[in-house]
Amino acid sequence: MASIRNPESLVAVGDSAFQLSEKSALPAIGTPGTGGRGSILGGAVEASTVDIAREFTNLIVLQRGYQANTRVITTVDEISQETINLKR
């Protein structure tokens, strides 16, 4: 396993992959769990950092806002049609 002293100097190459840049320090290669390097767990699944309750709440709020906006547009359209009919 390798650790990088200045990870902000890595260059993203897509799909969560990074490569060294000219500003990167040489990686410190060693055994996992030593020298401040992380450990490797076989069969472990990475947990998501998304709070599902918050995201559903945001979705409901956005849906309600969308519904309110569509009602406003419908009402303005109806008022416009009534105004045009009055003019005739």
Protein backbone atom coordinates (compact mmCIF):
# COMPACT_ATOMS: atom_id res chain seq x y z
CA MET A 1 0.00 0.00 0.00
CA ALA A 2 1.22 3.52 -0.70
CA SER A 3 0.61 6.85 1.02
CA ILE A 4 1.18 10.30 -0.44
CA ARG A 5 2.37 13.17 1.77
CA ASN A 6 0.66 15.82 -0.37
CA PRO A 7 -2.48 14.17 -1.84
CA GLU A 8 -3.79 17.53 -3.12
CA SER A 9 -1.03 17.41 -5.75
CA LEU A 10 -2.50 14.29 -7.40
CA VAL A 11 -4.22 14.68 -10.76
CA ALA A 12 -7.67 13.14 -11.27
CA VAL A 13 -7.80 10.93 -14.37
CA GLY A 14 -11.43 9.80 -14.01
CA ASP A 15 -13.42 7.01 -12.38
CA SER A 16 -11.95 7.80 -8.93
CA ALA A 17 -8.44 7.24 -10.27
CA PHE A 18 -5.50 9.59 -9.65
CA GLN A 19 -1.95 9.85 -10.89
CA LEU A 20 1.17 11.61 -9.66
CA SER A 21 1.96 15.09 -10.95
CA GLU A 22 5.28 16.91 -11.07
CA LYS A 23 4.40 18.46 -7.69
CA SER A 24 3.74 15.09 -6.00
CA ALA A 25 6.18 13.71 -3.46
CA LEU A 26 7.35 10.14 -3.93
CA PRO A 27 4.83 7.68 -2.49
CA ALA A 28 5.77 5.88 0.74
CA ILE A 29 5.23 2.21 -0.05
CA GLY A 30 4.86 -0.30 2.75
CA THR A 31 2.75 -2.92 4.47
CA PRO A 32 -0.90 -2.01 5.15
CA GLY A 33 -1.55 -0.92 8.74
CA THR A 34 1.99 0.42 9.26
CA GLY A 35 3.45 3.90 8.97
CA GLY A 36 0.08 5.65 8.99
CA ARG A 37 -1.20 3.63 6.04
CA GLY A 38 -4.71 2.25 6.16
CA SER A 39 -5.70 -1.37 6.34
CA ILE A 40 -7.31 -3.65 3.79
CA LEU A 41 -10.48 -5.57 4.63
CA GLY A 42 -11.49 -8.36 2.29
CA GLY A 43 -15.18 -8.45 1.36
CA ALA A 44 -15.88 -5.08 2.98
CA VAL A 45 -18.34 -2.76 1.28
CA GLU A 46 -17.74 0.97 1.39
CA ALA A 47 -20.60 2.81 3.05
CA SER A 48 -22.25 5.70 1.28
CA THR A 49 -21.87 9.21 2.70
CA VAL A 50 -25.38 10.17 1.60
CA ASP A 51 -28.00 10.85 4.28
CA ILE A 52 -31.03 9.21 2.67
CA ALA A 53 -33.55 10.90 5.01
CA ARG A 54 -32.20 14.35 4.15
CA GLU A 55 -32.23 13.59 0.43
CA PHE A 56 -35.86 12.40 0.53
CA THR A 57 -36.80 15.53 2.48
CA ASN A 58 -35.09 17.69 -0.15
CA LEU A 59 -36.87 15.76 -2.90
CA ILE A 60 -40.29 16.37 -1.29
CA VAL A 61 -39.56 20.09 -0.83
CA LEU A 62 -38.46 20.41 -4.47
CA GLN A 63 -41.52 18.51 -5.71
CA ARG A 64 -43.84 20.80 -3.74
CA GLY A 65 -42.07 23.85 -5.17
CA TYR A 66 -42.43 22.46 -8.68
CA GLN A 67 -46.13 21.79 -8.14
CA ALA A 68 -46.67 25.34 -6.83
CA ASN A 69 -44.88 26.81 -9.84
CA THR A 70 -46.96 24.77 -12.29
CA ARG A 71 -50.15 25.99 -10.59
CA VAL A 72 -48.98 29.59 -10.94
CA ILE A 73 -48.32 29.10 -14.64
CA THR A 74 -51.72 27.45 -15.12
CA THR A 75 -53.48 30.28 -13.27
CA VAL A 76 -51.67 32.98 -15.27
CA ASP A 77 -52.60 31.17 -18.49
CA GLU A 78 -56.26 31.02 -17.44
CA ILE A 79 -56.27 34.73 -16.52
CA SER A 80 -54.67 35.58 -19.86
CA GLN A 81 -57.32 33.59 -21.71
CA GLU A 82 -60.13 35.31 -19.77
CA THR A 83 -58.59 38.72 -20.54
CA ILE A 84 -58.39 37.91 -24.25
CA ASN A 85 -62.02 36.69 -24.20
CA LEU A 86 -63.18 39.92 -22.50
CA LYS A 87 -61.54 42.00 -25.22
CA ARG A 88 -63.48 40.22 -27.97
